[in-house]
Protein backbone atom coordinates (compact mmCIF):
# COMPACT_ATOMS: atom_id res chain seq x y z
CA MET A 1 0.30 0.05 0.06
CA PRO A 2 1.80 2.87 -1.37
CA LEU A 3 1.48 5.88 1.49
CA ALA A 4 3.70 9.30 1.20
CA PRO A 5 4.56 10.83 4.77
CA VAL A 6 3.42 14.50 4.29
CA ASN A 7 4.05 16.35 7.96
CA ASP A 8 6.13 15.14 10.53
CA ASN A 9 3.24 13.98 12.96
CA GLY A 10 2.69 10.73 11.11
CA VAL A 11 0.24 12.49 8.48
CA SER A 12 0.32 10.09 4.84
CA LEU A 13 -1.18 10.49 1.77
CA TYR A 14 -2.47 7.24 -0.31
CA TYR A 15 -1.89 6.80 -3.73
CA ASN A 16 -1.94 4.49 -6.97
CA ASP A 17 0.93 5.04 -9.39
CA THR A 18 0.56 3.42 -13.20
CA GLY A 19 4.59 3.64 -13.07
CA VAL A 20 6.99 4.61 -15.70
CA PRO A 21 5.84 4.06 -19.03
CA PRO A 22 7.83 1.03 -20.99
CA GLY A 23 10.80 2.56 -22.60
CA SER A 24 9.80 6.26 -22.32
CA PRO A 25 12.77 8.03 -20.85
CA ALA A 26 11.05 11.34 -20.69
CA TYR A 27 7.52 10.92 -19.99
CA THR A 28 4.99 13.64 -18.29
CA THR A 29 3.54 12.82 -15.02
CA LEU A 30 0.10 13.46 -14.28
CA ALA A 31 -1.19 13.71 -10.19
CA PHE A 32 -4.85 13.75 -9.93
CA ILE A 33 -6.91 15.16 -7.26
CA HIS A 34 -10.58 13.37 -7.14
CA GLY A 35 -13.64 15.46 -6.21
CA GLY A 36 -15.89 14.71 -3.03
CA LEU A 37 -17.46 11.77 -3.09
CA PHE A 38 -14.91 9.43 -5.10
CA ASN A 39 -11.90 8.48 -4.38
CA GLY A 40 -8.59 8.09 -6.29
CA GLY A 41 -10.07 4.80 -7.63
CA VAL A 42 -12.26 7.10 -9.89
CA PHE A 43 -9.25 7.35 -12.55
CA GLN A 44 -8.76 3.77 -13.10
CA ARG A 45 -9.69 4.29 -16.80
CA VAL A 46 -7.37 7.14 -17.67
CA ALA A 47 -4.44 5.10 -15.18
CA SER A 48 -5.13 2.01 -17.93
CA ASN A 49 -4.57 4.43 -21.16
CA ALA A 50 -1.53 6.25 -19.78
CA ALA A 51 1.11 4.52 -20.89
CA ARG A 52 0.34 4.87 -24.95
CA ASN A 53 -0.07 8.63 -23.87
CA ASN A 54 3.61 8.82 -22.57
CA LEU A 55 1.99 9.83 -19.09
CA ARG A 56 2.49 8.52 -15.62
CA VAL A 57 -0.39 8.46 -14.08
CA VAL A 58 -0.32 8.92 -9.85
CA SER A 59 -4.31 9.08 -8.02
CA VAL A 60 -4.04 10.35 -4.46
CA ASN A 61 -6.40 10.20 -1.70
CA HIS A 62 -7.13 12.96 0.35
CA ARG A 63 -7.12 13.28 3.95
CA ASP A 64 -9.90 11.58 5.51
CA VAL A 65 -10.52 9.35 2.63
CA LEU A 66 -8.67 6.23 3.81
CA PRO A 67 -6.25 4.76 3.58
CA SER A 68 -4.88 8.58 3.85
CA THR A 69 -5.23 9.20 7.40
CA ALA A 70 -8.12 10.34 8.68
CA PHE A 71 -8.49 13.61 10.88
CA THR A 72 -8.71 13.08 14.99
CA PHE A 73 -11.53 14.66 17.04
CA GLU A 74 -9.65 17.25 18.00
CA GLY A 75 -8.13 18.21 14.27
CA LEU A 76 -12.37 18.62 13.65
CA GLN A 77 -12.61 21.17 16.42
CA VAL A 78 -12.18 24.23 13.93
CA PHE A 79 -15.43 23.53 12.68
CA LYS A 80 -16.84 24.26 16.04
CA THR A 81 -15.93 28.23 15.31
CA ASP A 82 -16.40 30.51 12.84
CA ASP A 83 -13.56 32.02 12.88
CA GLN A 84 -11.74 32.62 9.42
CA THR A 85 -8.37 32.70 11.00
CA VAL A 86 -8.55 29.35 12.48
CA HIS A 87 -10.05 28.45 9.20
CA GLU A 88 -7.24 29.65 7.23
CA ALA A 89 -4.65 27.95 9.52
CA TRP A 90 -6.38 24.67 9.38
CA PHE A 91 -6.08 25.15 5.39
CA HIS A 92 -2.75 25.68 5.00
CA ASP A 93 -1.92 22.89 6.76
CA ARG A 94 -3.69 20.51 4.21
CA LEU A 95 -1.94 22.80 1.57
CA LEU A 96 1.31 22.29 3.03
CA GLU A 97 0.56 18.22 2.70
CA TRP A 98 0.07 18.64 -0.92
CA VAL A 99 3.46 20.27 -1.44
CA ASN A 100 4.55 17.84 0.78
CA PHE A 101 3.42 14.93 -1.66
CA LEU A 102 4.18 16.09 -4.86
CA ALA A 103 7.81 17.11 -3.55
CA TYR A 104 7.95 13.32 -2.00
CA PHE A 105 7.28 11.66 -4.93
CA VAL A 106 8.70 13.89 -7.47
CA GLU A 107 12.15 12.82 -5.00
CA LYS A 108 11.35 9.61 -4.79
CA GLU A 109 10.42 8.67 -8.13
CA ASN A 110 13.16 10.43 -9.54
CA ILE A 111 11.06 12.08 -12.26
CA PRO A 112 12.40 13.55 -15.69
CA ILE A 113 12.46 17.15 -15.42
CA TYR A 114 10.31 19.76 -17.53
CA ASP A 115 11.78 20.59 -20.49
CA GLU A 116 9.93 23.22 -21.87
CA ARG A 117 11.90 23.62 -24.93
CA LYS A 118 11.18 19.75 -26.29
CA GLY A 119 8.05 20.17 -24.17
CA THR A 120 8.69 16.88 -22.24
CA GLY A 121 9.14 15.82 -18.68
CA GLY A 122 7.82 17.50 -15.55
CA LEU A 123 4.59 16.95 -13.75
CA SER A 124 1.14 18.02 -14.12
CA ILE A 125 -1.58 18.48 -11.81
CA MET A 126 -5.22 18.09 -12.21
CA SER A 127 -7.73 18.45 -10.25
CA TRP A 128 -11.18 17.52 -10.76
CA SER A 129 -14.68 18.74 -9.31
CA LEU A 130 -14.14 19.81 -5.43
CA GLY A 131 -10.37 18.75 -6.19
CA ASN A 132 -10.57 22.28 -7.18
CA ASN A 133 -10.76 23.41 -3.68
CA TYR A 134 -7.35 22.53 -3.11
CA THR A 135 -5.18 23.14 -6.31
CA ILE A 136 -6.88 27.06 -7.01
CA PRO A 137 -5.76 27.82 -3.58
CA LEU A 138 -1.94 26.22 -3.96
CA LEU A 139 -1.91 28.20 -6.89
CA GLY A 140 -2.74 31.41 -5.28
CA SER A 141 -0.93 31.01 -2.45
CA ILE A 142 2.63 33.72 -1.82
CA ASP A 143 5.75 32.08 -2.14
CA THR A 144 6.47 32.57 1.94
CA SER A 145 3.75 30.16 2.76
CA PHE A 146 5.67 27.41 2.12
CA PRO A 147 9.33 26.02 2.57
CA SER A 148 11.10 27.52 -0.39
CA ASP A 149 13.67 24.41 -0.54
CA LYS A 150 10.10 22.44 -1.63
CA THR A 151 8.65 24.75 -3.70
CA ASP A 152 11.82 26.47 -5.85
CA PHE A 153 12.72 22.22 -5.97
CA LEU A 154 8.84 21.53 -7.77
CA ALA A 155 9.42 24.71 -9.95
CA LYS A 156 11.82 22.58 -12.03
CA TYR A 157 9.11 19.99 -12.45
CA ILE A 158 5.68 21.32 -12.81
CA ARG A 159 4.40 21.98 -16.19
CA SER A 160 0.86 22.97 -16.22
CA PHE A 161 -2.38 23.00 -13.85
CA VAL A 162 -5.46 21.54 -15.45
CA LEU A 163 -8.70 22.64 -13.74
CA PHE A 164 -11.38 19.87 -14.43
CA ASP A 165 -15.09 20.98 -13.85
CA LEU A 166 -14.92 23.25 -11.03
CA PRO A 167 -17.49 24.20 -9.24
CA TYR A 168 -18.66 27.12 -7.10
CA TYR A 169 -17.33 26.44 -4.16
CA ALA A 170 -13.48 26.28 -5.68
CA ILE A 171 -13.61 30.27 -6.48
CA GLY A 172 -15.48 31.44 -3.55
CA GLU A 173 -18.02 31.96 -6.15
CA SER A 174 -21.64 32.71 -4.27
CA GLU A 175 -24.10 30.19 -4.92
CA PRO A 176 -27.76 30.47 -6.03
CA SER A 177 -30.26 29.40 -3.64
CA TYR A 178 -31.69 25.96 -4.46
CA GLU A 179 -35.03 27.33 -5.35
CA VAL A 180 -33.75 29.55 -7.62
CA LEU A 181 -30.96 26.98 -9.50
CA TYR A 182 -31.64 23.56 -8.07
CA ASN A 183 -29.22 21.50 -6.25
CA PRO A 184 -29.98 18.53 -4.36
CA LEU A 185 -27.23 19.45 -2.13
CA SER A 186 -29.05 23.00 -1.19
CA ASP A 187 -32.16 21.21 -0.83
CA PRO A 188 -32.90 21.31 2.79
CA SER A 189 -34.29 17.22 2.68
CA PHE A 190 -31.37 15.80 1.43
CA SER A 191 -29.33 13.63 3.56
CA PHE A 192 -26.69 10.83 3.35
CA ASP A 193 -29.45 8.50 3.21
CA THR A 194 -30.87 9.99 -0.08
CA LEU A 195 -26.80 10.27 -1.67
CA THR A 196 -27.18 7.33 -4.17
CA THR A 197 -30.91 7.62 -4.85
CA THR A 198 -30.63 11.66 -5.41
CA PHE A 199 -27.67 13.09 -5.67
CA LEU A 200 -25.27 10.33 -7.45
CA PRO A 201 -27.83 9.94 -10.39
CA TRP A 202 -28.23 14.27 -10.60
CA MET A 203 -24.33 14.43 -10.62
CA THR A 204 -23.73 11.86 -12.97
CA GLY A 205 -26.41 12.78 -15.86
CA TYR A 206 -26.03 14.47 -18.53
CA PHE A 207 -28.03 18.46 -18.91
CA THR A 208 -28.57 20.31 -21.98
CA HIS A 209 -28.13 23.54 -21.40
CA SER A 210 -28.64 27.32 -23.37
CA THR A 211 -26.50 27.46 -26.62
CA LYS A 212 -26.63 30.91 -25.26
CA ILE A 213 -24.25 29.50 -22.10
CA ILE A 214 -22.26 27.03 -24.21
CA SER A 215 -21.27 29.18 -26.78
CA SER A 216 -19.54 32.00 -24.25
CA PHE A 217 -16.97 29.42 -24.21
CA SER A 218 -16.04 29.13 -27.44
CA PRO A 219 -12.83 30.86 -28.34
CA THR A 220 -14.62 33.97 -30.48
CA ALA A 221 -16.98 34.73 -27.77
CA THR A 222 -16.32 38.72 -26.19
CA PRO A 223 -17.26 39.83 -22.96
CA ASP A 224 -20.04 41.87 -24.57
CA SER A 225 -21.55 38.67 -25.62
CA ILE A 226 -21.64 36.68 -22.92
CA PRO A 227 -25.15 36.74 -20.49
CA SER A 228 -25.07 38.21 -17.08
CA ARG A 229 -25.57 36.33 -14.13
CA GLU A 230 -29.33 38.20 -13.92
CA GLU A 231 -29.99 36.97 -17.29
CA ILE A 232 -28.87 33.32 -16.44
CA LEU A 233 -30.84 32.97 -13.50
CA LYS A 234 -34.16 34.79 -14.74
CA GLN A 235 -34.17 33.09 -17.86
CA GLY A 236 -33.40 30.35 -17.10
CA LEU A 237 -30.59 29.12 -19.35
CA LEU A 238 -28.92 26.46 -17.50
CA SER A 239 -30.79 23.26 -16.72
CA THR A 240 -30.89 21.41 -13.55
CA VAL A 241 -32.83 18.33 -14.77
CA PRO A 242 -30.50 15.68 -16.39
CA ASP A 243 -32.02 14.38 -19.64
CA SER A 244 -33.41 10.67 -20.19
CA GLU A 245 -30.79 9.99 -22.26
CA PRO A 246 -28.09 9.34 -22.38
CA SER A 247 -28.75 7.90 -18.96
CA PRO A 248 -26.31 8.42 -15.97
CA THR A 249 -22.99 7.40 -15.93
CA GLN A 250 -23.98 5.30 -12.96
CA ASP A 251 -25.13 3.03 -14.78
CA ARG A 252 -22.52 2.21 -16.37
CA ILE A 253 -20.57 1.81 -13.40
CA PRO A 254 -20.98 -1.77 -12.38
CA PRO A 255 -21.70 -1.99 -8.47
CA GLU A 256 -18.68 -3.52 -7.02
CA THR A 257 -16.28 -0.86 -9.01
CA ALA A 258 -18.62 1.76 -7.83
CA LYS A 259 -18.31 0.48 -4.32
CA SER A 260 -14.30 0.62 -4.29
CA MET A 261 -14.28 3.94 -5.62
CA THR A 262 -16.75 5.59 -2.57
CA SER A 263 -16.36 3.22 0.50
CA SER A 264 -13.36 4.66 1.55
CA SER A 265 -14.91 8.51 2.04
CA GLY A 266 -14.22 9.23 5.59
CA LYS A 267 -17.55 7.49 6.90
CA GLU A 268 -15.05 5.53 9.10
CA SER A 269 -12.95 8.65 10.32
CA GLU A 270 -14.12 10.90 13.32
CA ARG A 271 -16.57 13.11 11.07
CA ASP A 272 -20.30 13.95 11.15
CA PRO A 273 -21.50 10.80 8.81
CA SER A 274 -24.42 12.92 8.35
CA ASP A 275 -22.26 14.77 6.20
CA PRO A 276 -21.09 12.83 2.84
CA PHE A 277 -18.98 16.08 1.66
CA PRO A 278 -15.44 17.09 2.68
CA PHE A 279 -15.02 19.83 5.06
CA ILE A 280 -13.68 21.86 2.43
CA THR A 281 -17.05 22.85 1.52
CA ASN A 282 -17.66 24.46 4.81
CA LEU A 283 -14.62 26.66 4.72
CA SER A 284 -15.42 30.44 4.04
CA ARG A 285 -16.42 31.69 0.64
CA GLU A 286 -14.49 34.76 1.32
CA MET A 287 -11.53 32.90 1.74
CA TYR A 288 -11.49 30.64 -1.44
CA ARG A 289 -12.85 33.90 -3.41
CA SER A 290 -9.23 35.80 -2.13
CA PHE A 291 -7.63 32.43 -3.12
CA SER A 292 -8.93 32.29 -6.59
CA ASP A 293 -8.47 36.32 -7.31
CA ARG A 294 -4.50 35.89 -6.37
CA ALA A 295 -4.62 32.42 -8.67
CA PHE A 296 -5.84 34.34 -11.66
CA SER A 297 -5.02 38.25 -10.71
CA THR A 298 -8.75 39.24 -10.45
CA GLY A 299 -8.77 41.19 -8.00
CA PRO A 300 -7.88 44.76 -6.99
CA LYS A 301 -4.69 44.31 -5.55
CA THR A 302 -3.68 40.69 -6.45
CA ASN A 303 -1.26 42.71 -8.16
CA GLU A 304 0.84 44.62 -5.79
CA ASN A 305 3.58 43.06 -3.91
CA LEU A 306 2.52 39.96 -3.85
CA LYS A 307 5.16 36.81 -5.36
CA LEU A 308 2.71 33.53 -6.13
CA ILE A 309 4.44 30.13 -6.17
CA TRP A 310 5.22 28.99 -9.39
CA PRO A 311 3.68 32.41 -11.16
CA LYS A 312 4.38 31.18 -14.63
CA VAL A 313 2.41 28.12 -14.78
CA ARG A 314 0.14 27.35 -17.28
CA VAL A 315 -3.47 26.90 -16.47
CA ASN A 316 -5.72 24.61 -18.48
CA VAL A 317 -10.07 25.12 -17.55
CA LEU A 318 -11.95 21.77 -18.91
CA VAL A 319 -15.72 22.54 -18.85
CA CYS A 320 -17.79 19.91 -19.66
CA GLU A 321 -20.71 20.86 -21.95
CA ARG A 322 -23.45 18.67 -20.67
CA SER A 323 -22.11 19.08 -16.70
CA MET A 324 -23.90 20.09 -14.13
CA ALA A 325 -25.31 23.74 -14.09
CA MET A 326 -23.00 24.57 -10.80
CA CYS A 327 -20.01 23.84 -12.85
CA ILE A 328 -21.04 25.02 -16.13
CA HIS A 329 -21.83 28.79 -14.47
CA ALA A 330 -19.00 28.92 -12.08
CA ASN A 331 -16.49 28.30 -14.97
CA LEU A 332 -18.14 31.03 -16.83
CA GLU A 333 -18.56 32.94 -13.76
CA LEU A 334 -14.67 32.28 -13.70
CA LYS A 335 -14.23 33.42 -17.67
CA ARG A 336 -15.90 36.74 -16.64
CA ARG A 337 -13.63 37.45 -13.87
CA ILE A 338 -11.06 37.32 -16.03
CA TRP A 339 -12.05 39.38 -18.87
CA GLU A 340 -12.97 41.93 -16.36
CA ALA A 341 -9.85 41.98 -14.39
CA GLU A 342 -8.25 42.41 -17.54
CA ARG A 343 -10.39 45.52 -18.74
CA ASP A 344 -9.81 47.21 -15.44
CA GLY A 345 -6.32 46.77 -15.92
CA TRP A 346 -5.83 44.41 -12.62
CA ARG A 347 -4.75 41.10 -14.72
CA VAL A 348 -2.25 42.02 -17.37
CA PRO A 349 -1.94 39.35 -20.57
CA GLY A 350 1.58 38.26 -20.42
CA GLU A 351 2.66 39.24 -16.73
CA ALA A 352 -0.64 37.12 -15.27
CA ARG A 353 -0.54 33.54 -15.33
CA GLU A 354 -1.69 31.92 -18.88
CA VAL A 355 -5.70 30.89 -17.98
CA ARG A 356 -6.86 29.02 -21.29
CA PHE A 357 -10.24 27.28 -21.22
CA TRP A 358 -11.45 24.23 -23.20
CA LEU A 359 -14.91 22.86 -23.98
CA LEU A 360 -15.18 18.96 -23.89
CA GLU A 361 -18.42 19.05 -26.26
CA GLY A 362 -20.90 15.96 -25.35
CA TYR A 363 -19.38 15.47 -21.83
CA ASN A 364 -20.89 15.05 -18.65
CA HIS A 365 -19.00 15.20 -15.24
CA HIS A 366 -17.27 12.25 -16.24
CA PRO A 367 -15.40 11.86 -19.36
CA HIS A 368 -12.84 9.79 -17.42
CA TRP A 369 -15.05 7.25 -16.81
CA GLU A 370 -17.33 7.51 -20.00
CA GLU A 371 -14.63 7.65 -22.72
CA PRO A 372 -11.09 7.62 -21.21
CA GLU A 373 -9.43 6.24 -24.29
CA LYS A 374 -10.27 9.90 -25.69
CA PHE A 375 -10.50 11.90 -23.04
CA THR A 376 -6.93 10.59 -21.53
CA LYS A 377 -5.22 11.57 -25.10
CA PHE A 378 -6.87 15.18 -25.00
CA VAL A 379 -5.42 15.53 -22.03
CA ALA A 380 -1.79 14.76 -22.46
CA GLY A 381 -2.32 16.89 -25.66
CA ILE A 382 -2.91 20.21 -23.66
CA LEU A 383 -0.29 19.81 -20.54
C-alpha cells in the first residue's frame, strides 16, 4: 500500500502510481486530485490509458479518504468556530500536505525534469470537481507560505495545472438558492440516506444547457456576448434536470467497482457521518475568493507586492458541456472575472498566468469514465 508521509506527525496520503511508461525516459507525470464523493480510484480508466499516451498517472486520496490518514476528533474542532483566521490556518496545513506530497513523489521517483523547449518530462497537476478547492488555493498562495526548498525544487518540474469541471466553492463564487437554481446539496431535505438515490444519479447525469451559455466558452466569444449572471438565472439558461438520454454514468459503473471508488470516503473517521462531503465545502467563501483572485489576478490588489508560487505555470480549465449547472455556471463566472480584470487593468496579459478554457463537447461530469481513451489522449495533448 503506497503511502507518502506529508508531515512529521505521522500523516500520510495514499496514492496509486502507473509507473514509468515502458521505454519512455521523457514521459510526463500527471497527478490527479479527486472530487468529493469518490476516491482516487475514479481515475482508474485514465490510468489504463496512461502508457500509450506517454503519461505516468498518479492518483491521490485526500486526507480523511482512507487509507490516507483520517482527521482526529481534536483536529476537527476547528469547525466549531466561524473564525476565518482559524479556518485559514487549518487549510494552510492541508495545502502544505499537498506540497509535501508532490515534493516527496518527485524526489522518490526521480521523475524527469520539465524541458520546456522540448515539451517533455515534468509534472502536471489535475484536479476534478471539489478537488479544485485545493489546487486553486495552491495557485493563489504566496511564495512565503511554504518552505522555499520544496517550492523551488518543484518549480523545476511543474509544467501546468488542469482545473477539471470546477464548482462554485472552488472560486468562492456565491451559489444561487436551490429555489432559483436547483442543486440537491442545497435542498434542506437532502441527507446522506438519499445520496445514492438522489444525488449520484443527478451528479452523473447529462444536462442540456442553453446555447447562449455554451457558446460563451467559444474562442470567439467576447465579454459583451456572454449573458449576465442576472440573465442566466432569470431566463433559466441552465438546466437542473438531467436528460433522459444518455442515462446517468452511474448506470455504467458496476456496483462492486462503484463501491471500491466510494467506500473509503471518510465515514470511518471522526467526521459527522450525516455529512457526506469534505470539510473544505464548509470553509469561508471569502477565503476561496481571495485565493482565486490571487491565482488568476482577478482582484484589485492581487498584482501588488505579491509573489505567487510558480507564478508562470500554465492553467487549463476544462468545461464539460453537459455537466451540472453548478459547474457550467462557475466556469463562466471565472471566465467573466478574468475578462473584467483585464478590462480594469488588474490582470495584465503576458504578466499574469496564462489561462485557457477548453469546452469538452458532449461530455457530462465524468468523461474520464465514459470515454477514457479519448479523454486521456486529449489531456495528454494540452499538458
